Amino acid sequence: MDYRAAGVDLAGARAFVEAIRPAVERTRIPGVLGGIGGFGGYFQLPAGYREPVLVAGTDGVGTKLKLAQLLNRHDTIGIDLVAMCVNDVLTSNARPLFFLDYIATGVLDRETLAAVVQGIAEGCRQSGCALLGGETAEMPGFYGPGVYDLAGFCVGVVERQELLNGSQVQVGDVAIGLASSGVHSNGYSLVRKILTNLAGDETQIPAVLAETPPELAGQRLGEVLLTPTVIYVPAVQALRAAGVDIHGMAHITGGGLPENLPRCLGPHQHIEIQWQNWSWPGIFQWIAQQGHVPEAAMRETFNLGIGYVVVVPPDQVTLAQATLARLGLETYIIGEVTPQNP
């Protein structure tokens, strides 16, 4: 017997690395040393920092992967993977430098995983960071046919004096919500539970995903649910370039606004969310109706149309919103920083 007889194709793995090499090379930025294929990726810190602080983040895509695999649609899930990591790192005011991925599967399907990596490379391009390397693990007997899992790792850099940690936020500052593209990458276990109840069986979910509910204005449910997470790096870069003094930022992921927004505030500060200041996108209306999900549960599970929040001084709100509008991003005033009640 040999390794291939046990289900691991080493030659196929080597061919896969060569297949994804062009996509990885397209993400190369100044600071990258060497190429893929070594035991580690090398990146030289940019010059000009007096006290550089490295900021690291890691995440996955969750059970959104199940829908991608059910629909055999693998070209955007990699964008989600990058977005979940770089948006977290971004909240500290760090500039994303490089990204690494980990892909685990039962049997290496080169075409499928190459599409995944193309999406990862696109996410890195949108973020302005390098795809520095990664690992593809072929694990027969652990993952079933057609199944793969993803994890991502991002490192960014920020000047120590510019690190956002909540101390910059002032009472009277205004929270501006940046629109999401939909569900992003949290809450899919609940979404899948609703889909299974509607379909009667998980194998029938693709038929439900092919439907065009009235709440989605003619779009197929599956397309909307697989819309990739917005990468907010260009938006924050535009705000900085315009001279907006950002005091705090929050990435709205699992736990929604109630859990994530307080994470960017200082001690004894609070933001009363003005829920009436925007309307839920149609996909959240569909989820609430089809799953009979109470509003409180919706708020603590989903982003409900707000994917990212920047906290700015009140005299810079107009400039911030105008800057983001030029990028085509919808924004909403969602609250003001107040002292927390004792």
C-alpha atoms as a PDB file:
ATOM      1  CA  MET A   1       0.000   0.000   0.000  1.00  0.00           C
ATOM      2  CA  ASP A   2       0.970   3.646  -0.340  1.00  0.00           C
ATOM      3  CA  TYR A   3      -0.429   7.042   0.675  1.00  0.00           C
ATOM      4  CA  ARG A   4      -2.593   7.256  -2.439  1.00  0.00           C
ATOM      5  CA  ALA A   5      -4.187   3.901  -1.617  1.00  0.00           C
ATOM      6  CA  ALA A   6      -5.101   5.418   1.763  1.00  0.00           C
ATOM      7  CA  GLY A   7      -6.871   8.280  -0.007  1.00  0.00           C
ATOM      8  CA  VAL A   8      -4.215  11.031  -0.116  1.00  0.00           C
ATOM      9  CA  ASP A   9      -2.983  12.119  -3.552  1.00  0.00           C
ATOM     10  CA  LEU A  10       0.397  13.842  -3.098  1.00  0.00           C
ATOM     11  CA  ALA A  11       0.857  14.403  -6.827  1.00  0.00           C
ATOM     12  CA  GLY A  12      -2.591  15.994  -6.981  1.00  0.00           C
ATOM     13  CA  ALA A  13      -1.682  18.245  -4.060  1.00  0.00           C
ATOM     14  CA  ARG A  14       1.449  19.420  -5.839  1.00  0.00           C
ATOM     15  CA  ALA A  15      -0.540  20.088  -9.002  1.00  0.00           C
ATOM     16  CA  PHE A  16      -3.075  22.065  -6.967  1.00  0.00           C
ATOM     17  CA  VAL A  17      -0.342  24.339  -5.593  1.00  0.00           C
ATOM     18  CA  GLU A  18       0.826  25.049  -9.132  1.00  0.00           C
ATOM     19  CA  ALA A  19      -2.750  25.730 -10.242  1.00  0.00           C
ATOM     20  CA  ILE A  20      -3.317  28.396  -7.585  1.00  0.00           C
ATOM     21  CA  ARG A  21       0.113  30.010  -7.903  1.00  0.00           C
ATOM     22  CA  PRO A  22      -1.023  32.710 -10.404  1.00  0.00           C
ATOM     23  CA  ALA A  23      -3.890  33.788  -8.124  1.00  0.00           C
ATOM     24  CA  VAL A  24      -1.528  34.042  -5.164  1.00  0.00           C
ATOM     25  CA  GLU A  25       1.036  36.006  -7.171  1.00  0.00           C
ATOM     26  CA  ARG A  26      -1.611  38.581  -8.112  1.00  0.00           C
ATOM     27  CA  THR A  27      -1.924  39.520  -4.437  1.00  0.00           C
ATOM     28  CA  ARG A  28       1.787  40.246  -4.067  1.00  0.00           C
ATOM     29  CA  ILE A  29       2.489  43.642  -2.474  1.00  0.00           C
ATOM     30  CA  PRO A  30       5.670  45.390  -1.286  1.00  0.00           C
ATOM     31  CA  GLY A  31       6.977  43.566   1.767  1.00  0.00           C
ATOM     32  CA  VAL A  32       6.429  40.025   0.497  1.00  0.00           C
ATOM     33  CA  LEU A  33       9.667  38.035   0.435  1.00  0.00           C
ATOM     34  CA  GLY A  34       9.848  34.800  -1.527  1.00  0.00           C
ATOM     35  CA  GLY A  35       6.868  32.856  -2.828  1.00  0.00           C
ATOM     36  CA  ILE A  36       4.548  30.036  -1.864  1.00  0.00           C
ATOM     37  CA  GLY A  37       5.827  26.541  -1.304  1.00  0.00           C
ATOM     38  CA  GLY A  38       8.162  27.076   1.626  1.00  0.00           C
ATOM     39  CA  PHE A  39       7.617  26.124   5.246  1.00  0.00           C
ATOM     40  CA  GLY A  40       6.580  29.689   6.059  1.00  0.00           C
ATOM     41  CA  GLY A  41       5.684  32.973   4.411  1.00  0.00           C
ATOM     42  CA  TYR A  42       7.954  35.974   4.821  1.00  0.00           C
ATOM     43  CA  PHE A  43       6.895  39.601   5.102  1.00  0.00           C
ATOM     44  CA  GLN A  44       9.064  42.609   5.866  1.00  0.00           C
ATOM     45  CA  LEU A  45       7.441  45.274   8.029  1.00  0.00           C
ATOM     46  CA  PRO A  46       6.828  48.521   6.110  1.00  0.00           C
ATOM     47  CA  ALA A  47       9.262  51.336   6.765  1.00  0.00           C
ATOM     48  CA  GLY A  48       8.223  54.538   8.480  1.00  0.00           C
ATOM     49  CA  TYR A  49       6.632  53.171  11.646  1.00  0.00           C
ATOM     50  CA  ARG A  50       8.095  54.466  14.914  1.00  0.00           C
ATOM     51  CA  GLU A  51       6.313  51.976  17.189  1.00  0.00           C
ATOM     52  CA  PRO A  52       4.628  49.417  14.965  1.00  0.00           C
ATOM     53  CA  VAL A  53       2.050  47.164  16.603  1.00  0.00           C
ATOM     54  CA  LEU A  54       1.047  43.942  14.878  1.00  0.00           C
ATOM     55  CA  VAL A  55      -2.644  43.060  15.036  1.00  0.00           C
ATOM     56  CA  ALA A  56      -3.706  39.478  14.274  1.00  0.00           C
ATOM     57  CA  GLY A  57      -7.099  37.937  13.690  1.00  0.00           C
ATOM     58  CA  THR A  58      -8.478  34.538  12.754  1.00  0.00           C
ATOM     59  CA  ASP A  59     -11.929  33.327  11.743  1.00  0.00           C
ATOM     60  CA  GLY A  60     -13.875  30.992   9.508  1.00  0.00           C
ATOM     61  CA  VAL A  61     -17.047  31.150   7.445  1.00  0.00           C
ATOM     62  CA  GLY A  62     -19.275  28.941   9.571  1.00  0.00           C
ATOM     63  CA  THR A  63     -22.108  26.919   8.104  1.00  0.00           C
ATOM     64  CA  LYS A  64     -22.490  29.272   5.149  1.00  0.00           C
ATOM     65  CA  LEU A  65     -20.066  26.722   3.706  1.00  0.00           C
ATOM     66  CA  LYS A  66     -22.880  24.151   3.697  1.00  0.00           C
ATOM     67  CA  LEU A  67     -24.958  26.296   1.345  1.00  0.00           C
ATOM     68  CA  ALA A  68     -21.992  26.879  -0.975  1.00  0.00           C
ATOM     69  CA  GLN A  69     -21.427  23.135  -1.142  1.00  0.00           C
ATOM     70  CA  LEU A  70     -25.131  22.332  -1.611  1.00  0.00           C
ATOM     71  CA  LEU A  71     -25.299  24.758  -4.555  1.00  0.00           C
ATOM     72  CA  ASN A  72     -21.841  23.822  -5.897  1.00  0.00           C
ATOM     73  CA  ARG A  73     -20.927  27.533  -5.821  1.00  0.00           C
ATOM     74  CA  HIS A  74     -17.401  28.070  -4.554  1.00  0.00           C
ATOM     75  CA  ASP A  75     -16.119  31.280  -6.157  1.00  0.00           C
ATOM     76  CA  THR A  76     -17.203  33.780  -3.464  1.00  0.00           C
ATOM     77  CA  ILE A  77     -16.891  31.912  -0.179  1.00  0.00           C
ATOM     78  CA  GLY A  78     -13.183  32.788  -0.082  1.00  0.00           C
ATOM     79  CA  ILE A  79     -14.102  36.491  -0.074  1.00  0.00           C
ATOM     80  CA  ASP A  80     -16.188  35.804   3.039  1.00  0.00           C
ATOM     81  CA  LEU A  81     -13.200  34.143   4.676  1.00  0.00           C
ATOM     82  CA  VAL A  82     -10.923  37.128   4.091  1.00  0.00           C
ATOM     83  CA  ALA A  83     -13.634  39.628   5.045  1.00  0.00           C
ATOM     84  CA  MET A  84     -14.319  38.024   8.413  1.00  0.00           C
ATOM     85  CA  CYS A  85     -10.652  38.333   9.359  1.00  0.00           C
ATOM     86  CA  VAL A  86      -9.611  41.673   7.837  1.00  0.00           C
ATOM     87  CA  ASN A  87     -12.725  43.498   9.053  1.00  0.00           C
ATOM     88  CA  ASP A  88     -11.900  42.412  12.609  1.00  0.00           C
ATOM     89  CA  VAL A  89      -8.273  43.545  12.314  1.00  0.00           C
ATOM     90  CA  LEU A  90      -9.424  46.799  10.735  1.00  0.00           C
ATOM     91  CA  THR A  91     -11.383  47.839  13.846  1.00  0.00           C
ATOM     92  CA  SER A  92      -8.110  48.505  15.686  1.00  0.00           C
ATOM     93  CA  ASN A  93      -7.122  50.976  12.930  1.00  0.00           C
ATOM     94  CA  ALA A  94      -4.587  48.488  11.560  1.00  0.00           C
ATOM     95  CA  ARG A  95      -3.722  48.190   7.895  1.00  0.00           C
ATOM     96  CA  PRO A  96      -4.000  44.522   6.788  1.00  0.00           C
ATOM     97  CA  LEU A  97      -0.613  43.262   5.583  1.00  0.00           C
ATOM     98  CA  PHE A  98      -1.006  39.594   4.799  1.00  0.00           C
ATOM     99  CA  PHE A  99      -3.393  36.669   4.968  1.00  0.00           C
ATOM    100  CA  LEU A 100      -2.998  32.896   5.256  1.00  0.00           C
ATOM    101  CA  ASP A 101      -5.633  30.230   4.721  1.00  0.00           C
ATOM    102  CA  TYR A 102      -6.229  26.692   5.910  1.00  0.00           C
ATOM    103  CA  ILE A 103      -8.370  24.383   3.771  1.00  0.00           C
ATOM    104  CA  ALA A 104      -9.312  20.908   4.962  1.00  0.00           C
ATOM    105  CA  THR A 105     -11.116  18.368   2.787  1.00  0.00           C
ATOM    106  CA  GLY A 106     -11.709  14.661   2.415  1.00  0.00           C
ATOM    107  CA  VAL A 107     -10.578  14.341  -1.195  1.00  0.00           C
ATOM    108  CA  LEU A 108      -8.782  17.180  -2.941  1.00  0.00           C
ATOM    109  CA  ASP A 109     -10.981  18.401  -5.803  1.00  0.00           C
ATOM    110  CA  ARG A 110      -8.636  20.740  -7.684  1.00  0.00           C
ATOM    111  CA  GLU A 111     -11.344  22.606  -9.588  1.00  0.00           C
ATOM    112  CA  THR A 112     -13.478  23.271  -6.512  1.00  0.00           C
ATOM    113  CA  LEU A 113     -10.651  24.337  -4.240  1.00  0.00           C
ATOM    114  CA  ALA A 114      -9.024  26.429  -6.967  1.00  0.00           C
ATOM    115  CA  ALA A 115     -12.289  28.396  -7.135  1.00  0.00           C
ATOM    116  CA  VAL A 116     -12.161  28.819  -3.357  1.00  0.00           C
ATOM    117  CA  VAL A 117      -8.592  30.142  -3.525  1.00  0.00           C
ATOM    118  CA  GLN A 118      -9.526  32.484  -6.383  1.00  0.00           C
ATOM    119  CA  GLY A 119     -12.116  33.963  -4.022  1.00  0.00           C
ATOM    120  CA  ILE A 120      -9.547  34.247  -1.229  1.00  0.00           C
ATOM    121  CA  ALA A 121      -7.188  36.042  -3.611  1.00  0.00           C
ATOM    122  CA  GLU A 122      -9.986  38.420  -4.646  1.00  0.00           C
ATOM    123  CA  GLY A 123     -10.701  39.168  -0.988  1.00  0.00           C
ATOM    124  CA  CYS A 124      -7.015  39.926  -0.434  1.00  0.00           C
ATOM    125  CA  ARG A 125      -7.003  42.201  -3.493  1.00  0.00           C
ATOM    126  CA  GLN A 126      -9.979  44.139  -2.130  1.00  0.00           C
ATOM    127  CA  SER A 127      -8.215  44.404   1.237  1.00  0.00           C
ATOM    128  CA  GLY A 128      -4.872  45.458  -0.201  1.00  0.00           C
ATOM    129  CA  CYS A 129      -3.070  42.614   1.567  1.00  0.00           C
ATOM    130  CA  ALA A 130      -0.976  39.712   0.322  1.00  0.00           C
ATOM    131  CA  LEU A 131      -2.045  36.084   0.268  1.00  0.00           C
ATOM    132  CA  LEU A 132       1.180  34.988   1.894  1.00  0.00           C
ATOM    133  CA  GLY A 133       0.597  31.274   2.069  1.00  0.00           C
ATOM    134  CA  GLY A 134      -1.650  28.549   3.350  1.00  0.00           C
ATOM    135  CA  GLU A 135      -2.210  24.878   3.993  1.00  0.00           C
ATOM    136  CA  THR A 136      -4.409  22.356   2.229  1.00  0.00           C
ATOM    137  CA  ALA A 137      -5.053  19.220   4.277  1.00  0.00           C
ATOM    138  CA  GLU A 138      -6.461  16.118   2.589  1.00  0.00           C
ATOM    139  CA  MET A 139      -8.168  14.058   5.307  1.00  0.00           C
ATOM    140  CA  PRO A 140     -10.050  11.056   3.884  1.00  0.00           C
ATOM    141  CA  GLY A 141     -12.460   9.493   6.331  1.00  0.00           C
ATOM    142  CA  PHE A 142     -12.716  12.711   8.331  1.00  0.00           C
ATOM    143  CA  TYR A 143     -14.609  14.811   5.766  1.00  0.00           C
ATOM    144  CA  GLY A 144     -17.237  13.323   3.474  1.00  0.00           C
ATOM    145  CA  PRO A 145     -17.314  13.603  -0.336  1.00  0.00           C
ATOM    146  CA  GLY A 146     -17.573  17.188  -1.564  1.00  0.00           C
ATOM    147  CA  VAL A 147     -17.036  18.631   1.920  1.00  0.00           C
ATOM    148  CA  TYR A 148     -14.336  21.138   2.827  1.00  0.00           C
ATOM    149  CA  ASP A 149     -13.735  23.530   5.712  1.00  0.00           C
ATOM    150  CA  LEU A 150     -11.954  26.890   5.798  1.00  0.00           C
ATOM    151  CA  ALA A 151     -10.074  29.008   8.312  1.00  0.00           C
ATOM    152  CA  GLY A 152      -8.216  32.254   7.767  1.00  0.00           C
ATOM    153  CA  PHE A 153      -5.526  34.259   9.532  1.00  0.00           C
ATOM    154  CA  CYS A 154      -4.760  37.952   9.001  1.00  0.00           C
ATOM    155  CA  VAL A 155      -1.983  40.188  10.313  1.00  0.00           C
ATOM    156  CA  GLY A 156      -2.047  43.972  10.126  1.00  0.00           C
ATOM    157  CA  VAL A 157       0.066  46.834  11.438  1.00  0.00           C
ATOM    158  CA  VAL A 158      -0.736  50.119  13.152  1.00  0.00           C
ATOM    159  CA  GLU A 159       1.302  52.863  14.782  1.00  0.00           C
ATOM    160  CA  ARG A 160       0.992  52.406  18.539  1.00  0.00           C
ATOM    161  CA  GLN A 161      -0.256  55.982  19.011  1.00  0.00           C
ATOM    162  CA  GLU A 162      -2.998  55.369  16.421  1.00  0.00           C
ATOM    163  CA  LEU A 163      -4.254  52.083  17.899  1.00  0.00           C
ATOM    164  CA  LEU A 164      -7.984  52.292  18.641  1.00  0.00           C
ATOM    165  CA  ASN A 165      -8.825  50.764  22.003  1.00  0.00           C
ATOM    166  CA  GLY A 166     -11.939  52.608  23.207  1.00  0.00           C
ATOM    167  CA  SER A 167     -10.062  55.408  24.966  1.00  0.00           C
ATOM    168  CA  GLN A 168     -10.525  57.755  22.005  1.00  0.00           C
ATOM    169  CA  VAL A 169     -14.343  57.592  22.068  1.00  0.00           C
ATOM    170  CA  GLN A 170     -15.997  60.658  23.617  1.00  0.00           C
ATOM    171  CA  VAL A 171     -19.491  61.272  24.942  1.00  0.00           C
ATOM    172  CA  GLY A 172     -21.404  62.970  22.111  1.00  0.00           C
ATOM    173  CA  ASP A 173     -19.637  61.030  19.344  1.00  0.00           C
ATOM    174  CA  VAL A 174     -21.927  59.668  16.642  1.00  0.00           C
ATOM    175  CA  ALA A 175     -22.154  56.051  15.443  1.00  0.00           C
ATOM    176  CA  ILE A 176     -22.493  55.721  11.661  1.00  0.00           C
ATOM    177  CA  GLY A 177     -23.665  52.342  10.385  1.00  0.00           C
ATOM    178  CA  LEU A 178     -22.276  51.145   7.047  1.00  0.00           C
ATOM    179  CA  ALA A 179     -24.640  48.964   5.064  1.00  0.00           C
ATOM    180  CA  SER A 180     -24.052  45.232   4.850  1.00  0.00           C
ATOM    181  CA  SER A 181     -24.523  43.198   1.680  1.00  0.00           C
ATOM    182  CA  GLY A 182     -26.910  40.852   3.453  1.00  0.00           C
ATOM    183  CA  VAL A 183     -26.423  38.113   6.017  1.00  0.00           C
ATOM    184  CA  HIS A 184     -22.605  38.181   5.630  1.00  0.00           C
ATOM    185  CA  SER A 185     -21.253  35.108   7.467  1.00  0.00           C
ATOM    186  CA  ASN A 186     -23.133  34.792  10.759  1.00  0.00           C
ATOM    187  CA  GLY A 187     -26.428  33.206  11.685  1.00  0.00           C
ATOM    188  CA  TYR A 188     -26.384  30.482   9.021  1.00  0.00           C
ATOM    189  CA  SER A 189     -27.183  27.666  11.444  1.00  0.00           C
ATOM    190  CA  LEU A 190     -30.529  29.385  12.047  1.00  0.00           C
ATOM    191  CA  VAL A 191     -30.950  30.059   8.319  1.00  0.00           C
ATOM    192  CA  ARG A 192     -30.284  26.402   7.530  1.00  0.00           C
ATOM    193  CA  LYS A 193     -32.761  25.297  10.212  1.00  0.00           C
ATOM    194  CA  ILE A 194     -35.432  27.434   8.535  1.00  0.00           C
ATOM    195  CA  LEU A 195     -34.495  26.072   5.103  1.00  0.00           C
ATOM    196  CA  THR A 196     -34.677  22.483   6.360  1.00  0.00           C
ATOM    197  CA  ASN A 197     -38.119  23.092   7.878  1.00  0.00           C
ATOM    198  CA  LEU A 198     -39.359  24.576   4.592  1.00  0.00           C
ATOM    199  CA  ALA A 199     -37.816  21.828   2.462  1.00  0.00           C
ATOM    200  CA  GLY A 200     -38.816  18.971   4.731  1.00  0.00           C
ATOM    201  CA  ASP A 201     -35.384  17.408   4.235  1.00  0.00           C
ATOM    202  CA  GLU A 202     -31.867  18.830   3.846  1.00  0.00           C
ATOM    203  CA  THR A 203     -31.495  17.190   0.425  1.00  0.00           C
ATOM    204  CA  GLN A 204     -34.406  19.327  -0.826  1.00  0.00           C
ATOM    205  CA  ILE A 205     -32.876  22.636   0.293  1.00  0.00           C
ATOM    206  CA  PRO A 206     -31.517  23.451  -3.207  1.00  0.00           C
ATOM    207  CA  ALA A 207     -35.107  23.597  -4.494  1.00  0.00           C
ATOM    208  CA  VAL A 208     -35.998  26.166  -1.828  1.00  0.00           C
ATOM    209  CA  LEU A 209     -32.838  28.152  -2.618  1.00  0.00           C
ATOM    210  CA  ALA A 210     -33.936  28.370  -6.256  1.00  0.00           C
ATOM    211  CA  GLU A 211     -37.118  30.237  -5.287  1.00  0.00           C
ATOM    212  CA  THR A 212     -37.535  34.020  -5.673  1.00  0.00           C
ATOM    213  CA  PRO A 213     -39.437  35.244  -2.587  1.00  0.00           C
ATOM    214  CA  PRO A 214     -41.246  38.582  -2.982  1.00  0.00           C
ATOM    215  CA  GLU A 215     -39.071  40.121  -0.248  1.00  0.00           C
ATOM    216  CA  LEU A 216     -36.009  39.684  -2.488  1.00  0.00           C
ATOM    217  CA  ALA A 217     -37.301  41.653  -5.495  1.00  0.00           C
ATOM    218  CA  GLY A 218     -36.860  38.879  -8.029  1.00  0.00           C
ATOM    219  CA  GLN A 219     -33.522  37.550  -6.773  1.00  0.00           C
ATOM    220  CA  ARG A 220     -33.068  33.871  -6.058  1.00  0.00           C
ATOM    221  CA  LEU A 221     -32.829  33.019  -2.384  1.00  0.00           C
ATOM    222  CA  GLY A 222     -29.594  31.064  -2.855  1.00  0.00           C
ATOM    223  CA  GLU A 223     -27.878  33.954  -4.638  1.00  0.00           C
ATOM    224  CA  VAL A 224     -28.814  36.370  -1.869  1.00  0.00           C
ATOM    225  CA  LEU A 225     -27.683  34.015   0.889  1.00  0.00           C
ATOM    226  CA  LEU A 226     -24.319  33.468  -0.834  1.00  0.00           C
ATOM    227  CA  THR A 227     -23.662  37.182  -1.395  1.00  0.00           C
ATOM    228  CA  PRO A 228     -20.152  37.693   0.018  1.00  0.00           C
ATOM    229  CA  THR A 229     -19.396  39.750   3.099  1.00  0.00           C
ATOM    230  CA  VAL A 230     -18.426  43.357   2.419  1.00  0.00           C
ATOM    231  CA  ILE A 231     -14.754  44.149   2.964  1.00  0.00           C
ATOM    232  CA  TYR A 232     -14.673  47.569   4.644  1.00  0.00           C
ATOM    233  CA  VAL A 233     -10.959  48.326   4.213  1.00  0.00           C
ATOM    234  CA  PRO A 234     -11.464  50.688   1.214  1.00  0.00           C
ATOM    235  CA  ALA A 235     -14.196  52.562   3.118  1.00  0.00           C
ATOM    236  CA  VAL A 236     -11.986  53.155   6.154  1.00  0.00           C
ATOM    237  CA  GLN A 237      -9.047  54.128   3.951  1.00  0.00           C
ATOM    238  CA  ALA A 238     -11.265  56.679   2.187  1.00  0.00           C
ATOM    239  CA  LEU A 239     -12.355  58.143   5.522  1.00  0.00           C
ATOM    240  CA  ARG A 240      -8.750  58.490   6.636  1.00  0.00           C
ATOM    241  CA  ALA A 241      -7.766  60.107   3.335  1.00  0.00           C
ATOM    242  CA  ALA A 242     -10.620  62.598   3.723  1.00  0.00           C
ATOM    243  CA  GLY A 243      -9.332  63.592   7.161  1.00  0.00           C
ATOM    244  CA  VAL A 244     -12.120  62.022   9.215  1.00  0.00           C
ATOM    245  CA  ASP A 245     -11.004  61.456  12.816  1.00  0.00           C
ATOM    246  CA  ILE A 246     -12.283  57.956  13.563  1.00  0.00           C
ATOM    247  CA  HIS A 247     -12.629  57.358  17.315  1.00  0.00           C
ATOM    248  CA  GLY A 248     -13.883  53.781  17.201  1.00  0.00           C
ATOM    249  CA  MET A 249     -14.953  50.975  14.870  1.00  0.00           C
ATOM    250  CA  ALA A 250     -16.975  47.794  15.219  1.00  0.00           C
ATOM    251  CA  HIS A 251     -17.420  44.815  12.895  1.00  0.00           C
ATOM    252  CA  ILE A 252     -20.992  43.529  13.266  1.00  0.00           C
ATOM    253  CA  THR A 253     -20.764  39.750  13.340  1.00  0.00           C
ATOM    254  CA  GLY A 254     -22.303  37.076  15.592  1.00  0.00           C
ATOM    255  CA  GLY A 255     -24.251  38.756  18.369  1.00  0.00           C
ATOM    256  CA  GLY A 256     -25.350  41.591  16.094  1.00  0.00           C
ATOM    257  CA  LEU A 257     -25.213  45.260  17.059  1.00  0.00           C
ATOM    258  CA  PRO A 258     -26.081  44.726  20.757  1.00  0.00           C
ATOM    259  CA  GLU A 259     -22.994  42.579  21.348  1.00  0.00           C
ATOM    260  CA  ASN A 260     -20.456  44.064  18.941  1.00  0.00           C
ATOM    261  CA  LEU A 261     -21.036  47.815  19.130  1.00  0.00           C
ATOM    262  CA  PRO A 262     -20.101  48.104  22.849  1.00  0.00           C
ATOM    263  CA  ARG A 263     -16.738  46.446  22.106  1.00  0.00           C
ATOM    264  CA  CYS A 264     -15.396  49.676  20.565  1.00  0.00           C
ATOM    265  CA  LEU A 265     -16.463  51.959  23.431  1.00  0.00           C
ATOM    266  CA  GLY A 266     -14.626  53.116  26.530  1.00  0.00           C
ATOM    267  CA  PRO A 267     -15.569  52.189  30.115  1.00  0.00           C
ATOM    268  CA  HIS A 268     -18.897  53.567  31.318  1.00  0.00           C
ATOM    269  CA  GLN A 269     -20.019  54.501  27.798  1.00  0.00           C
ATOM    270  CA  HIS A 270     -23.172  53.430  26.004  1.00  0.00           C
ATOM    271  CA  ILE A 271     -24.911  53.820  22.643  1.00  0.00           C
ATOM    272  CA  GLU A 272     -28.686  53.528  22.531  1.00  0.00           C
ATOM    273  CA  ILE A 273     -29.217  52.014  19.081  1.00  0.00           C
ATOM    274  CA  GLN A 274     -31.780  53.899  17.002  1.00  0.00           C
ATOM    275  CA  TRP A 275     -33.306  50.860  15.318  1.00  0.00           C
ATOM    276  CA  GLN A 276     -35.907  52.972  13.512  1.00  0.00           C
ATOM    277  CA  ASN A 277     -33.241  54.822  11.493  1.00  0.00           C
ATOM    278  CA  TRP A 278     -32.975  52.123   8.824  1.00  0.00           C
ATOM    279  CA  SER A 279     -35.077  49.343   7.319  1.00  0.00           C
ATOM    280  CA  TRP A 280     -34.145  45.685   7.362  1.00  0.00           C
ATOM    281  CA  PRO A 281     -33.083  44.374   3.933  1.00  0.00           C
ATOM    282  CA  GLY A 282     -35.527  41.908   2.420  1.00  0.00           C
ATOM    283  CA  ILE A 283     -33.512  38.809   3.323  1.00  0.00           C
ATOM    284  CA  PHE A 284     -33.922  39.550   7.043  1.00  0.00           C
ATOM    285  CA  GLN A 285     -37.635  40.120   6.593  1.00  0.00           C
ATOM    286  CA  TRP A 286     -37.801  36.710   4.898  1.00  0.00           C
ATOM    287  CA  ILE A 287     -35.861  35.019   7.721  1.00  0.00           C
ATOM    288  CA  ALA A 288     -38.047  36.573  10.424  1.00  0.00           C
ATOM    289  CA  GLN A 289     -41.276  35.642   8.661  1.00  0.00           C
ATOM    290  CA  GLN A 290     -40.398  32.126   7.529  1.00  0.00           C
ATOM    291  CA  GLY A 291     -38.737  31.195  10.825  1.00  0.00           C
ATOM    292  CA  HIS A 292     -41.181  33.055  13.080  1.00  0.00           C
ATOM    293  CA  VAL A 293     -38.084  34.574  14.670  1.00  0.00           C
ATOM    294  CA  PRO A 294     -38.798  37.201  17.367  1.00  0.00           C
ATOM    295  CA  GLU A 295     -37.312  40.647  16.817  1.00  0.00           C
ATOM    296  CA  ALA A 296     -35.064  40.321  19.870  1.00  0.00           C
ATOM    297  CA  ALA A 297     -33.598  37.098  18.476  1.00  0.00           C
ATOM    298  CA  MET A 298     -33.086  38.719  15.063  1.00  0.00           C
ATOM    299  CA  ARG A 299     -31.199  41.599  16.665  1.00  0.00           C
ATOM    300  CA  GLU A 300     -28.851  39.333  18.608  1.00  0.00           C
ATOM    301  CA  THR A 301     -28.189  36.946  15.704  1.00  0.00           C
ATOM    302  CA  PHE A 302     -27.890  39.011  12.502  1.00  0.00           C
ATOM    303  CA  ASN A 303     -26.391  42.308  11.361  1.00  0.00           C
ATOM    304  CA  LEU A 304     -29.846  43.373  10.035  1.00  0.00           C
ATOM    305  CA  GLY A 305     -28.290  45.540   7.315  1.00  0.00           C
ATOM    306  CA  ILE A 306     -25.453  47.171   9.305  1.00  0.00           C
ATOM    307  CA  GLY A 307     -22.174  45.389   8.665  1.00  0.00           C
ATOM    308  CA  TYR A 308     -19.711  47.858  10.165  1.00  0.00           C
ATOM    309  CA  VAL A 309     -19.832  50.936  12.411  1.00  0.00           C
ATOM    310  CA  VAL A 310     -17.527  53.935  12.655  1.00  0.00           C
ATOM    311  CA  VAL A 311     -17.712  56.312  15.617  1.00  0.00           C
ATOM    312  CA  VAL A 312     -16.776  59.906  14.774  1.00  0.00           C
ATOM    313  CA  PRO A 313     -17.052  63.390  16.325  1.00  0.00           C
ATOM    314  CA  PRO A 314     -20.423  65.049  15.609  1.00  0.00           C
ATOM    315  CA  ASP A 315     -18.856  67.799  13.466  1.00  0.00           C
ATOM    316  CA  GLN A 316     -17.430  65.175  11.074  1.00  0.00           C
ATOM    317  CA  VAL A 317     -20.580  63.176  10.411  1.00  0.00           C
ATOM    318  CA  THR A 318     -21.448  65.042   7.209  1.00  0.00           C
ATOM    319  CA  LEU A 319     -17.932  64.627   5.791  1.00  0.00           C
ATOM    320  CA  ALA A 320     -17.865  60.943   6.706  1.00  0.00           C
ATOM    321  CA  GLN A 321     -21.231  60.185   5.115  1.00  0.00           C
ATOM    322  CA  ALA A 322     -20.411  62.161   1.963  1.00  0.00           C
ATOM    323  CA  THR A 323     -17.079  60.328   1.626  1.00  0.00           C
ATOM    324  CA  LEU A 324     -18.732  56.925   1.937  1.00  0.00           C
ATOM    325  CA  ALA A 325     -21.542  57.907  -0.436  1.00  0.00           C
ATOM    326  CA  ARG A 326     -18.926  58.541  -3.134  1.00  0.00           C
ATOM    327  CA  LEU A 327     -17.925  54.896  -2.742  1.00  0.00           C
ATOM    328  CA  GLY A 328     -21.546  53.844  -3.200  1.00  0.00           C
ATOM    329  CA  LEU A 329     -21.958  52.826   0.448  1.00  0.00           C
ATOM    330  CA  GLU A 330     -25.245  53.537   2.187  1.00  0.00           C
ATOM    331  CA  THR A 331     -24.860  54.843   5.730  1.00  0.00           C
ATOM    332  CA  TYR A 332     -27.182  55.502   8.661  1.00  0.00           C
ATOM    333  CA  ILE A 333     -26.892  57.451  11.898  1.00  0.00           C
ATOM    334  CA  ILE A 334     -27.608  54.713  14.418  1.00  0.00           C
ATOM    335  CA  GLY A 335     -26.866  56.353  17.764  1.00  0.00           C
ATOM    336  CA  GLU A 336     -24.847  58.712  19.953  1.00  0.00           C
ATOM    337  CA  VAL A 337     -22.362  57.932  22.697  1.00  0.00           C
ATOM    338  CA  THR A 338     -23.741  58.702  26.158  1.00  0.00           C
ATOM    339  CA  PRO A 339     -22.586  57.992  29.714  1.00  0.00           C
ATOM    340  CA  GLN A 340     -23.646  54.522  30.805  1.00  0.00           C
ATOM    341  CA  ASN A 341     -26.314  54.526  33.462  1.00  0.00           C
ATOM    342  CA  PRO A 342     -24.963  53.303  36.811  1.00  0.00           C
END
